[in-house]
Amino acid sequence: MKLSELLSALPLKQTVGQDDPDVTGIVQDSRQVVGGSVFVAVPGFRVDGHTFIPEALKRGAAAIVAERPVEGDAGDQYSSAPRVIVPNARQALAFLSAALHGFPARRLKVVGVTGTDGKTTTSFLISSLLEAAGHSTGVIGTVDFKIGDRLWSNETGQSTPEAPAIQELLARMVAEGMDYAVIESTSHALVLDRVAACEYDAAVFTNLSAEHLDFHRDIDQYLRDKSRLFALLGESIDKGVPKTAVLNADDRSFAFLRQVAKGPVVSYGIDAAADFRAGDIKLSGKGTSFRLISPSGEVDLTTRLLAKYNVYNALAAIALASSLGVDMDAIRGCLAGFAGVPGRWERVDCGQPFDVFVDFAHTPAALEKSLSFLRSQTAGRVLLVFGCPGERDELKRPVMAAVASRLSEFFVITTDDPHHEDPQRILDQVEAGARQAGAIPGTHYERTIDRFEAIRLVLERARPGDAVLIAGRGHEKHIDYGSYKVACDDREVVEVTLWRTDAR
C-alpha cells in the first residue's frame, strides 16, 4: 500500500515530504523497523517514542508518524522519509494498522467484553454459544487467542494487545472466514486507543470493583473509561445488526452505562429486575444449576462452572447470544458442556485428600468471591496463597490481605509479577493489611518472596477436608521481574509439590 493511500485513514494530519513510499508494516517499537515500516512515535509512560525516531530512520523506516517535530532527528542524514504530524499518535497507530489490513473489523461482527472480573470466561463462553448456533468465531483474550478451531497462548503480556497485533489478528479471522470476533476490551486498551477502529457491534459489561486505580485515579473515572466501549457502539459502521449493550442490572455501573450505551440495552442479573435472570441457584464443588427466566420463557440450566459469580458470567453470555439469535436448545447444550478457561477455577487433583484450585482472582472483589465460595463448600479449613503485582495499584495491597485474613484460616503472602519494584516492599505493604486485620505471623500467615516455597508451605499445612486456593496468576507461565522472567506455572508447581510430598 502506498503511504498516501494509508494516510487517507487519518482525517487530521500534516505531512512533510513529497515521497510516497510503499508501506509493508506499522510499528511502534523502533527495534522492529525494517524497510517499508511506518514508525509511529507513541508517547509512553516510561519512555517517549519520539526519542527513537533517529533509530527508526537508521533502520530504514519508510515514514515517521509523530505528535510533534523532533529537533535533530537526523532525518536528512539517514533518510528522506516523510514525516506525518498527528494530534494523537496512539489513535493514528490503530487506524493506520486497520487501514493496512483493509479495515478487517468492518467485515466481521465484533463483540467487546469489559468489566473488572470475568472478562475471559465470558468471552470464551460467548464464542462457544455462537459456535453452538453454527457461527465461526475468533477470540482475542487474556489467556489465549483463538481463530476457529485453533487456540494459542497470548504471550504479549497484555489482555488486550497493542493495535497492530489486534488488527493483524482480525485480518487473519477475516481471511479464515470467521463470522464473529470477541475482544476482551480492557480499560487500558480503551483509554489508550488500542481498540480504536474495531467497529464494535455489541458490548458486554461484567462488573465493577476497584482495580487499576493508579491508572484511572478513582473508581468513577475507571467506570467512565470503561464506558468508552459503549460509546464506541455509536461510532462503528452499520453491519446490519443492532448495536447492543449487555449490562449487569445488579452492578453499581448499571444506571450510568444504560445512559451511555448507544443502541438497545439488554440486562441480566440475579437480584434486580432484568431481561435475563437466574433463580433457584444451586452451587456445589462440581458445578452449578439455575433456572433462567428470559423473554422467551423459563428453562433449567446446568454448568460445570463453579461459584455464584460464574452465574453472572453465564447470564452475560446468554443475554448476548440470545440477542444475536442463538436459540435456547443451543444455549442449554453448550453451557452444560463448557469446560471453562485455563487458570479459572482449575481443580488440581493428584489424589490428595483435600481440594486444590488455581484461579486468576487478583482483585479484592474477586478474591473475596472465590474465598466465600470455598467457605460455603468446604468442611475443613480454607488455605490461600496470593500476592500483588508491582508498579501498579498499591492501594489494593493491604485490602487483599484484609480479605485473606477474614476468609481463610491460613495464607501465605508471596510474589506476583513484581516487575521492576522491590518484591520485599510489596510484601511489606500487603503484610501491613494483614497485621491491621489482626492476623498473627506464624499463626495466621507466613510471607516469602519465593512463590514455589509459598505453595509448598500451604500444601504441607493442608489436611483432609481442607481447600487450598492458589490465587492471582491463573494461566500465567512466568513471573516478571522486569529485566528477566522466571518460569512458574502455578498448576504445575502444585502437581510437582504434591508428588514430592506425602500430601498425595
Protein backbone atom coordinates (compact mmCIF):
# COMPACT_ATOMS: atom_id res chain seq x y z
CA MET A 1 0.00 0.00 0.00
CA LYS A 2 1.27 3.46 -0.84
CA LEU A 3 1.78 5.85 2.06
CA SER A 4 -0.68 8.35 0.57
CA GLU A 5 -3.37 5.66 0.43
CA LEU A 6 -2.66 4.63 4.01
CA LEU A 7 -2.79 8.20 5.29
CA SER A 8 -6.31 8.64 3.93
CA ALA A 9 -7.41 6.82 7.11
CA LEU A 10 -6.31 9.85 9.18
CA PRO A 11 -8.62 12.88 9.00
CA LEU A 12 -6.20 15.21 10.82
CA LYS A 13 -2.54 15.22 9.78
CA GLN A 14 0.24 17.37 8.43
CA THR A 15 2.67 15.70 6.05
CA VAL A 16 6.21 16.96 5.43
CA GLY A 17 7.95 15.42 2.44
CA GLN A 18 6.99 14.55 -1.14
CA ASP A 19 7.93 10.86 -1.26
CA ASP A 20 5.13 8.28 -1.47
CA PRO A 21 6.83 5.00 -0.48
CA ASP A 22 5.33 1.53 -0.34
CA VAL A 23 4.33 0.53 3.20
CA THR A 24 4.54 -3.05 4.43
CA GLY A 25 4.07 -2.65 8.18
CA ILE A 26 3.11 -0.35 11.06
CA VAL A 27 5.25 -0.48 14.22
CA GLN A 28 5.65 1.47 17.45
CA ASP A 29 8.89 -0.23 18.53
CA SER A 30 11.91 1.13 16.67
CA ARG A 31 13.67 -2.24 17.06
CA GLN A 32 11.03 -3.79 14.81
CA VAL A 33 11.57 -1.34 11.96
CA VAL A 34 12.58 -2.82 8.61
CA GLY A 35 12.42 -1.35 5.13
CA GLY A 36 8.82 -0.45 4.37
CA SER A 37 7.81 0.09 8.01
CA VAL A 38 5.99 3.19 9.19
CA PHE A 39 7.24 4.06 12.67
CA VAL A 40 4.63 5.63 14.94
CA ALA A 41 6.24 7.56 17.80
CA VAL A 42 3.94 6.97 20.77
CA PRO A 43 4.49 8.97 23.97
CA GLY A 44 4.72 6.29 26.64
CA PHE A 45 4.63 6.23 30.43
CA ARG A 46 8.31 5.30 30.82
CA VAL A 47 9.84 6.40 27.52
CA ASP A 48 8.75 8.69 24.70
CA GLY A 49 8.72 7.11 21.25
CA HIS A 50 9.81 10.41 19.74
CA THR A 51 13.32 9.85 21.13
CA PHE A 52 13.63 6.73 18.93
CA ILE A 53 12.87 8.45 15.63
CA PRO A 54 16.57 8.66 14.66
CA GLU A 55 16.98 4.93 15.30
CA ALA A 56 13.88 4.17 13.22
CA LEU A 57 15.28 6.21 10.36
CA LYS A 58 18.64 4.47 10.59
CA ARG A 59 16.82 1.14 10.29
CA GLY A 60 15.12 2.28 7.09
CA ALA A 61 11.67 3.46 8.16
CA ALA A 62 9.52 4.38 5.16
CA ALA A 63 7.83 7.18 7.11
CA ILE A 64 7.55 8.64 10.60
CA VAL A 65 4.25 9.41 12.32
CA ALA A 66 4.58 11.60 15.41
CA GLU A 67 2.75 14.12 17.54
CA ARG A 68 5.41 16.80 17.13
CA PRO A 69 8.51 17.54 15.07
CA VAL A 70 11.70 16.37 16.72
CA GLU A 71 14.73 18.64 16.69
CA GLY A 72 17.78 16.94 15.28
CA ASP A 73 16.06 13.68 14.36
CA ALA A 74 18.88 13.18 11.79
CA GLY A 75 16.37 12.69 9.02
CA ASP A 76 18.42 14.33 6.30
CA GLN A 77 21.48 12.34 7.31
CA TYR A 78 19.82 8.93 7.27
CA SER A 79 16.65 9.18 5.19
CA SER A 80 14.30 11.42 3.25
CA ALA A 81 11.35 9.56 4.78
CA PRO A 82 8.20 11.70 5.08
CA ARG A 83 7.16 12.99 8.50
CA VAL A 84 3.48 12.95 9.40
CA ILE A 85 2.33 15.03 12.38
CA VAL A 86 -0.92 13.91 14.06
CA PRO A 87 -2.79 15.07 17.20
CA ASN A 88 -2.99 11.55 18.71
CA ALA A 89 -0.29 9.03 17.86
CA ARG A 90 -1.99 6.12 19.62
CA GLN A 91 -5.20 6.64 17.69
CA ALA A 92 -3.22 7.02 14.47
CA LEU A 93 -1.44 3.74 15.23
CA ALA A 94 -4.79 1.96 15.42
CA PHE A 95 -6.32 3.44 12.29
CA LEU A 96 -3.16 3.03 10.22
CA SER A 97 -2.90 -0.61 11.33
CA ALA A 98 -6.55 -1.16 10.39
CA ALA A 99 -6.11 0.56 7.03
CA LEU A 100 -3.04 -1.54 6.17
CA HIS A 101 -5.16 -4.68 6.64
CA GLY A 102 -8.19 -3.31 4.79
CA PHE A 103 -10.21 -2.48 7.94
CA PRO A 104 -10.91 -6.12 8.85
CA ALA A 105 -13.38 -5.27 11.66
CA ARG A 106 -15.76 -3.94 9.02
CA ARG A 107 -16.01 -7.47 7.63
CA LEU A 108 -16.69 -9.12 10.99
CA LYS A 109 -19.35 -8.78 13.65
CA VAL A 110 -17.39 -7.63 16.68
CA VAL A 111 -18.30 -8.18 20.35
CA GLY A 112 -16.40 -6.34 23.09
CA VAL A 113 -16.33 -7.56 26.69
CA THR A 114 -15.22 -5.29 29.51
CA GLY A 115 -15.51 -5.12 33.31
CA THR A 116 -13.21 -5.73 36.27
CA ASP A 117 -13.55 -9.51 36.59
CA GLY A 118 -14.96 -12.31 34.44
CA LYS A 119 -13.98 -10.98 31.02
CA THR A 120 -12.09 -14.07 29.91
CA THR A 121 -14.69 -16.65 30.92
CA THR A 122 -17.50 -14.54 29.47
CA SER A 123 -15.63 -14.00 26.19
CA PHE A 124 -14.95 -17.68 25.63
CA LEU A 125 -18.45 -18.64 26.67
CA ILE A 126 -19.86 -16.16 24.12
CA SER A 127 -17.63 -17.73 21.48
CA SER A 128 -18.84 -21.22 22.40
CA LEU A 129 -22.51 -20.19 22.37
CA LEU A 130 -22.18 -18.58 18.94
CA GLU A 131 -20.41 -21.65 17.60
CA ALA A 132 -23.15 -23.88 19.03
CA ALA A 133 -25.51 -21.95 16.76
CA GLY A 134 -23.34 -22.61 13.69
CA HIS A 135 -21.24 -19.45 13.59
CA SER A 136 -17.45 -19.32 13.30
CA THR A 137 -15.60 -17.18 15.83
CA GLY A 138 -12.28 -15.75 16.85
CA VAL A 139 -11.29 -14.53 20.30
CA ILE A 140 -8.67 -12.03 21.47
CA GLY A 141 -8.30 -12.63 25.20
CA THR A 142 -6.07 -12.57 28.24
CA VAL A 143 -5.28 -16.28 28.20
CA ASP A 144 -5.47 -17.31 24.56
CA PHE A 145 -6.04 -16.16 21.03
CA LYS A 146 -8.47 -18.25 19.01
CA ILE A 147 -9.39 -18.48 15.35
CA GLY A 148 -11.90 -21.21 14.58
CA ASP A 149 -10.53 -24.48 15.94
CA ARG A 150 -7.02 -23.14 16.56
CA LEU A 151 -6.05 -21.88 20.01
CA TRP A 152 -2.68 -20.49 21.10
CA SER A 153 -1.37 -18.63 24.14
CA ASN A 154 -1.44 -14.87 24.38
CA GLU A 155 2.24 -14.17 25.03
CA THR A 156 2.02 -10.39 24.73
CA GLY A 157 1.66 -9.78 28.46
CA GLN A 158 -1.46 -7.70 27.77
CA SER A 159 -5.09 -8.81 27.99
CA THR A 160 -5.79 -6.58 25.00
CA PRO A 161 -2.69 -6.34 22.79
CA GLU A 162 -1.44 -3.23 21.01
CA ALA A 163 -3.38 -2.05 17.96
CA PRO A 164 -1.09 -3.54 15.25
CA ALA A 165 -1.47 -7.02 16.81
CA ILE A 166 -5.23 -6.64 17.16
CA GLN A 167 -5.70 -5.61 13.55
CA GLU A 168 -3.43 -8.40 12.31
CA LEU A 169 -5.48 -10.95 14.29
CA LEU A 170 -8.74 -9.53 12.95
CA ALA A 171 -7.36 -9.72 9.41
CA ARG A 172 -6.48 -13.38 9.95
CA MET A 173 -10.01 -14.01 11.20
CA VAL A 174 -11.41 -12.46 8.01
CA ALA A 175 -9.02 -14.49 5.84
CA GLU A 176 -10.10 -17.69 7.58
CA GLY A 177 -13.80 -17.00 7.19
CA MET A 178 -14.83 -16.10 10.74
CA ASP A 179 -18.25 -14.55 11.32
CA TYR A 180 -17.60 -13.04 14.76
CA ALA A 181 -14.67 -11.63 16.71
CA VAL A 182 -14.89 -11.45 20.51
CA ILE A 183 -12.41 -9.00 22.05
CA GLU A 184 -11.58 -8.63 25.73
CA SER A 185 -11.53 -4.85 25.86
CA THR A 186 -9.73 -3.63 28.96
CA SER A 187 -9.94 -0.14 30.37
CA HIS A 188 -6.29 0.45 29.45
CA ALA A 189 -6.99 -0.60 25.86
CA LEU A 190 -9.97 1.74 25.68
CA VAL A 191 -8.15 4.74 27.14
CA LEU A 192 -5.01 4.14 25.08
CA ASP A 193 -6.94 3.64 21.80
CA ARG A 194 -5.69 0.10 21.19
CA VAL A 195 -9.23 -0.87 20.16
CA ALA A 196 -9.94 2.16 18.02
CA ALA A 197 -11.07 1.00 14.55
CA CYS A 198 -12.51 -2.23 15.98
CA GLU A 199 -16.04 -1.29 14.79
CA TYR A 200 -17.95 -2.88 17.69
CA ASP A 201 -21.44 -4.28 17.15
CA ALA A 202 -22.13 -5.39 20.73
CA ALA A 203 -20.64 -4.59 24.11
CA VAL A 204 -20.87 -6.60 27.35
CA PHE A 205 -20.16 -5.35 30.87
CA THR A 206 -19.40 -7.88 33.61
CA ASN A 207 -18.96 -5.93 36.86
CA LEU A 208 -17.16 -3.04 38.50
CA SER A 209 -14.86 -3.10 41.52
CA ALA A 210 -11.75 -1.17 42.50
CA GLU A 211 -8.79 -2.04 40.24
CA HIS A 212 -6.06 -0.15 38.35
CA LEU A 213 -6.80 2.99 40.35
CA ASP A 214 -3.17 4.03 39.96
CA PHE A 215 -4.03 4.50 36.27
CA HIS A 216 -7.63 5.71 36.47
CA ARG A 217 -7.30 7.83 39.69
CA ASP A 218 -10.64 6.76 41.21
CA ILE A 219 -13.43 4.28 40.62
CA ASP A 220 -15.72 6.86 38.99
CA GLN A 221 -13.08 7.63 36.37
CA TYR A 222 -12.46 3.90 35.99
CA LEU A 223 -16.14 3.45 35.12
CA ARG A 224 -16.10 6.39 32.72
CA ASP A 225 -13.06 4.93 31.00
CA LYS A 226 -14.72 1.52 30.66
CA SER A 227 -17.87 3.17 29.35
CA ARG A 228 -15.95 4.19 26.23
CA LEU A 229 -16.71 0.73 24.86
CA PHE A 230 -20.42 1.53 24.88
CA ALA A 231 -19.92 4.95 23.33
CA LEU A 232 -17.94 3.27 20.52
CA LEU A 233 -21.09 1.37 19.53
CA GLY A 234 -22.41 4.65 18.16
CA GLU A 235 -19.27 5.27 16.08
CA SER A 236 -18.97 1.94 14.26
CA ILE A 237 -20.37 1.30 10.80
CA ASP A 238 -23.74 -0.35 10.20
CA LYS A 239 -23.31 -4.07 9.56
CA GLY A 240 -27.00 -4.97 9.60
CA VAL A 241 -27.23 -5.88 13.29
CA PRO A 242 -28.47 -3.63 16.14
CA LYS A 243 -25.69 -2.13 18.27
CA THR A 244 -26.48 -3.94 21.51
CA ALA A 245 -25.27 -3.23 25.06
CA VAL A 246 -25.48 -6.07 27.60
CA LEU A 247 -25.42 -4.72 31.16
CA ASN A 248 -25.40 -6.18 34.69
CA ALA A 249 -28.55 -4.92 36.43
CA ASP A 250 -27.17 -5.92 39.86
CA ASP A 251 -23.98 -3.89 39.44
CA ARG A 252 -23.36 -0.30 40.54
CA SER A 253 -22.44 0.54 36.93
CA PHE A 254 -25.89 -0.20 35.51
CA ALA A 255 -27.64 3.19 35.70
CA PHE A 256 -24.64 5.07 34.30
CA LEU A 257 -23.93 2.66 31.45
CA ARG A 258 -27.57 2.48 30.46
CA GLN A 259 -27.41 6.21 29.73
CA VAL A 260 -24.07 5.99 27.90
CA ALA A 261 -24.90 2.99 25.70
CA LYS A 262 -25.73 3.65 22.08
CA GLY A 263 -28.49 1.34 20.86
CA PRO A 264 -30.67 -1.30 22.56
CA VAL A 265 -29.83 -2.37 26.14
CA VAL A 266 -30.25 -5.97 27.31
CA SER A 267 -29.99 -6.50 31.07
CA TYR A 268 -29.10 -9.53 33.18
CA GLY A 269 -28.94 -10.19 36.91
CA ILE A 270 -29.97 -12.26 39.89
CA ASP A 271 -31.46 -9.81 42.39
CA ALA A 272 -32.71 -6.87 40.31
CA ALA A 273 -35.37 -6.94 37.63
CA ALA A 274 -33.64 -7.85 34.36
CA ASP A 275 -34.32 -9.27 30.91
CA PHE A 276 -32.31 -12.40 31.77
CA ARG A 277 -32.45 -13.52 35.41
CA ALA A 278 -31.20 -16.54 37.31
CA GLY A 279 -33.26 -18.08 40.10
CA ASP A 280 -33.14 -21.25 42.19
CA ILE A 281 -29.34 -21.25 42.07
CA LYS A 282 -27.66 -24.38 43.42
CA LEU A 283 -23.89 -24.30 43.94
CA SER A 284 -21.59 -27.25 44.55
CA GLY A 285 -17.96 -28.16 44.20
CA LYS A 286 -18.72 -29.96 40.95
CA GLY A 287 -20.89 -27.43 39.12
CA THR A 288 -23.87 -25.09 39.22
CA SER A 289 -27.52 -25.22 38.25
CA PHE A 290 -30.08 -22.42 37.98
CA ARG A 291 -33.40 -21.52 36.42
CA LEU A 292 -33.12 -18.97 33.62
CA ILE A 293 -36.03 -16.52 33.33
CA SER A 294 -35.88 -14.74 29.97
CA PRO A 295 -38.17 -13.07 27.42
CA SER A 296 -38.56 -16.45 25.69
CA GLY A 297 -39.63 -18.28 28.86
CA GLU A 298 -38.06 -20.26 31.68
CA VAL A 299 -35.59 -23.12 31.44
CA ASP A 300 -33.37 -25.07 33.85
CA LEU A 301 -29.66 -24.89 33.02
CA THR A 302 -26.56 -26.61 34.35
CA THR A 303 -22.90 -25.74 34.02
CA ARG A 304 -19.57 -27.12 35.15
CA LEU A 305 -18.54 -23.59 36.13
CA LEU A 306 -18.22 -23.01 39.89
CA ALA A 307 -19.34 -20.19 42.18
CA LYS A 308 -22.08 -17.60 42.03
CA TYR A 309 -20.04 -15.08 40.06
CA ASN A 310 -19.90 -17.56 37.18
CA VAL A 311 -23.69 -17.47 37.11
CA TYR A 312 -23.30 -13.78 36.25
CA ASN A 313 -20.74 -14.61 33.56
CA ALA A 314 -23.10 -17.21 32.11
CA LEU A 315 -26.03 -14.78 32.17
CA ALA A 316 -23.99 -12.12 30.37
CA ALA A 317 -23.00 -14.57 27.63
CA ILE A 318 -26.54 -15.95 27.33
CA ALA A 319 -28.04 -12.45 27.08
CA LEU A 320 -25.60 -11.51 24.33
CA ALA A 321 -26.03 -14.78 22.41
CA SER A 322 -29.83 -14.57 22.64
CA SER A 323 -29.78 -11.01 21.29
CA LEU A 324 -27.84 -12.38 18.30
CA GLY A 325 -30.43 -15.09 17.63
CA VAL A 326 -28.94 -18.15 19.37
CA ASP A 327 -31.82 -20.41 20.44
CA MET A 328 -32.28 -21.88 23.90
CA ASP A 329 -31.58 -25.50 22.89
CA ALA A 330 -28.12 -24.48 21.65
CA ILE A 331 -27.56 -22.46 24.83
CA ARG A 332 -28.55 -25.34 27.12
CA GLY A 333 -26.28 -27.87 25.43
CA CYS A 334 -23.32 -25.52 25.15
CA LEU A 335 -23.50 -24.33 28.75
CA ALA A 336 -23.64 -27.90 30.07
CA GLY A 337 -20.52 -28.88 28.13
CA PHE A 338 -18.43 -25.72 28.60
CA ALA A 339 -15.28 -26.74 30.45
CA GLY A 340 -14.12 -23.26 31.39
CA VAL A 341 -10.86 -21.44 30.73
CA PRO A 342 -7.33 -22.42 31.87
CA GLY A 343 -6.42 -20.78 35.16
CA ARG A 344 -10.02 -20.00 36.10
CA TRP A 345 -11.13 -22.26 38.94
CA GLU A 346 -8.92 -25.10 37.70
CA ARG A 347 -9.00 -28.05 40.06
CA VAL A 348 -5.67 -29.84 40.61
CA ASP A 349 -6.21 -33.47 41.56
CA CYS A 350 -3.21 -35.67 42.27
CA GLY A 351 -5.10 -37.95 44.62
CA GLN A 352 -4.58 -35.70 47.67
CA PRO A 353 -7.27 -35.79 50.40
CA PHE A 354 -8.01 -32.05 50.11
CA ASP A 355 -9.14 -29.76 47.29
CA VAL A 356 -6.71 -27.52 45.40
CA PHE A 357 -7.78 -24.82 42.96
CA VAL A 358 -5.78 -22.44 40.78
CA ASP A 359 -7.61 -19.21 40.00
CA PHE A 360 -6.83 -15.81 38.50
CA ALA A 361 -8.54 -13.92 41.35
CA HIS A 362 -6.28 -10.87 41.56
CA THR A 363 -8.58 -8.12 42.81
CA PRO A 364 -10.04 -7.75 46.31
CA ALA A 365 -13.56 -8.35 44.99
CA ALA A 366 -12.56 -11.45 43.00
CA LEU A 367 -10.58 -12.89 45.92
CA GLU A 368 -13.50 -12.32 48.28
CA LYS A 369 -15.91 -14.08 45.93
CA SER A 370 -13.56 -17.04 45.47
CA LEU A 371 -12.84 -17.47 49.17
CA SER A 372 -16.50 -17.05 50.10
CA PHE A 373 -17.43 -19.83 47.69
CA LEU A 374 -14.77 -22.13 49.15
CA ARG A 375 -16.01 -21.30 52.66
CA SER A 376 -19.52 -22.38 51.70
CA GLN A 377 -18.37 -25.66 50.14
CA THR A 378 -15.58 -26.75 52.50
CA ALA A 379 -15.99 -28.77 55.68
CA GLY A 380 -12.42 -28.09 56.78
CA ARG A 381 -10.19 -25.05 56.59
CA VAL A 382 -9.55 -22.67 53.68
CA LEU A 383 -5.87 -22.04 52.92
CA LEU A 384 -4.54 -19.48 50.48
CA VAL A 385 -1.50 -18.33 48.51
CA PHE A 386 -1.60 -14.86 46.93
CA GLY A 387 0.47 -11.83 46.06
CA CYS A 388 0.16 -8.44 44.40
CA PRO A 389 1.96 -7.28 41.24
CA GLY A 390 4.45 -4.46 41.28
CA GLU A 391 4.30 -0.99 39.76
CA ARG A 392 0.52 -0.70 39.99
CA ASP A 393 -2.40 -0.09 42.31
CA GLU A 394 -0.61 -0.04 45.69
CA LEU A 395 -3.87 0.79 47.47
CA LYS A 396 -5.27 -2.69 46.90
CA ARG A 397 -2.35 -4.47 48.60
CA PRO A 398 -3.48 -4.15 52.24
CA VAL A 399 -7.09 -4.69 51.15
CA MET A 400 -6.19 -8.06 49.63
CA ALA A 401 -4.59 -9.06 52.94
CA ALA A 402 -7.67 -7.96 54.88
CA VAL A 403 -9.83 -10.20 52.69
CA ALA A 404 -7.43 -13.10 53.17
CA SER A 405 -7.40 -12.57 56.95
CA ARG A 406 -11.18 -12.60 57.16
CA LEU A 407 -11.95 -15.55 54.88
CA SER A 408 -9.07 -18.02 55.26
CA GLU A 409 -7.61 -19.84 58.24
CA PHE A 410 -4.06 -19.60 56.90
CA PHE A 411 -2.43 -17.78 54.00
CA VAL A 412 0.99 -17.14 52.51
CA ILE A 413 1.86 -13.75 51.03
CA THR A 414 4.25 -14.10 48.13
CA THR A 415 5.48 -12.73 44.82
CA ASP A 416 3.30 -11.99 41.80
CA ASP A 417 4.99 -10.17 38.89
CA PRO A 418 6.95 -7.51 40.80
CA HIS A 419 8.28 -6.10 37.51
CA HIS A 420 10.95 -3.55 38.48
CA GLU A 421 9.63 -2.96 42.01
CA ASP A 422 11.31 -4.44 45.09
CA PRO A 423 9.35 -7.63 45.96
CA GLN A 424 10.01 -7.19 49.68
CA ARG A 425 8.46 -3.72 49.60
CA ILE A 426 5.32 -5.17 48.01
CA LEU A 427 5.11 -7.88 50.67
CA ASP A 428 5.59 -5.25 53.38
CA GLN A 429 2.57 -3.32 52.13
CA VAL A 430 0.45 -6.47 51.86
CA GLU A 431 1.50 -7.62 55.32
CA ALA A 432 0.56 -4.24 56.79
CA GLY A 433 -3.04 -5.02 55.85
CA ALA A 434 -2.82 -8.46 57.46
CA ARG A 435 -1.49 -7.05 60.74
CA GLN A 436 -4.12 -4.31 60.75
CA ALA A 437 -6.78 -7.02 60.35
CA GLY A 438 -5.41 -8.79 63.43
CA ALA A 439 -3.61 -11.66 61.67
CA ILE A 440 -0.64 -13.04 63.61
CA PRO A 441 2.52 -14.03 61.70
CA GLY A 442 3.36 -17.70 62.03
CA THR A 443 -0.16 -18.49 63.21
CA HIS A 444 -2.44 -16.99 60.59
CA TYR A 445 0.04 -16.29 57.82
CA GLU A 446 3.59 -16.53 56.51
CA ARG A 447 5.43 -14.48 53.90
CA THR A 448 8.08 -15.41 51.36
CA ILE A 449 9.16 -13.87 48.07
CA ASP A 450 9.68 -17.40 46.69
CA ARG A 451 6.35 -18.41 45.13
CA PHE A 452 7.45 -22.05 44.87
CA GLU A 453 8.16 -22.06 48.61
CA ALA A 454 4.82 -20.35 49.30
CA ILE A 455 2.91 -23.10 47.51
CA ARG A 456 4.92 -25.77 49.34
CA LEU A 457 4.19 -24.15 52.71
CA VAL A 458 0.44 -24.09 52.21
CA LEU A 459 0.22 -27.60 50.74
CA GLU A 460 2.20 -29.03 53.68
CA ARG A 461 -0.30 -27.47 56.10
CA ALA A 462 -3.37 -28.82 54.28
CA ARG A 463 -5.25 -31.65 55.95
CA PRO A 464 -8.05 -33.95 54.75
CA GLY A 465 -11.22 -31.96 54.08
CA ASP A 466 -9.40 -28.63 53.61
CA ALA A 467 -9.48 -26.48 50.48
CA VAL A 468 -6.44 -24.67 49.06
CA LEU A 469 -6.65 -21.70 46.68
CA ILE A 470 -3.59 -20.59 44.69
CA ALA A 471 -4.70 -17.15 43.58
CA GLY A 472 -3.65 -14.26 41.39
CA ARG A 473 -1.87 -15.75 38.39
CA GLY A 474 -4.14 -18.43 36.97
CA HIS A 475 -2.97 -19.24 33.44
CA GLU A 476 0.29 -17.26 33.57
CA LYS A 477 3.50 -19.16 32.92
CA HIS A 478 6.22 -16.74 34.07
CA ILE A 479 6.90 -14.34 36.93
CA ASP A 480 8.06 -10.99 35.54
CA TYR A 481 10.93 -9.36 37.43
CA GLY A 482 11.29 -6.50 34.95
CA SER A 483 14.65 -7.29 33.40
CA TYR A 484 14.08 -11.07 33.41
CA LYS A 485 11.38 -13.70 33.82
CA VAL A 486 11.23 -16.92 35.82
CA ALA A 487 9.14 -19.86 34.59
CA CYS A 488 6.30 -20.51 37.03
CA ASP A 489 3.02 -22.23 36.25
CA ASP A 490 1.00 -22.49 39.48
CA ARG A 491 -0.76 -25.64 38.38
CA GLU A 492 2.50 -27.39 37.52
CA VAL A 493 4.11 -26.23 40.76
CA VAL A 494 1.19 -27.70 42.74
CA GLU A 495 1.42 -31.01 40.87
CA VAL A 496 5.19 -31.30 41.36
CA THR A 497 4.94 -30.33 45.03
CA LEU A 498 2.19 -32.86 45.73
CA TRP A 499 4.13 -35.64 44.06
CA ARG A 500 7.25 -34.79 46.06
CA THR A 501 5.44 -34.85 49.39
CA ASP A 502 3.20 -37.27 51.20
CA ALA A 503 0.21 -34.95 50.61
CA ARG A 504 -0.96 -37.09 47.71
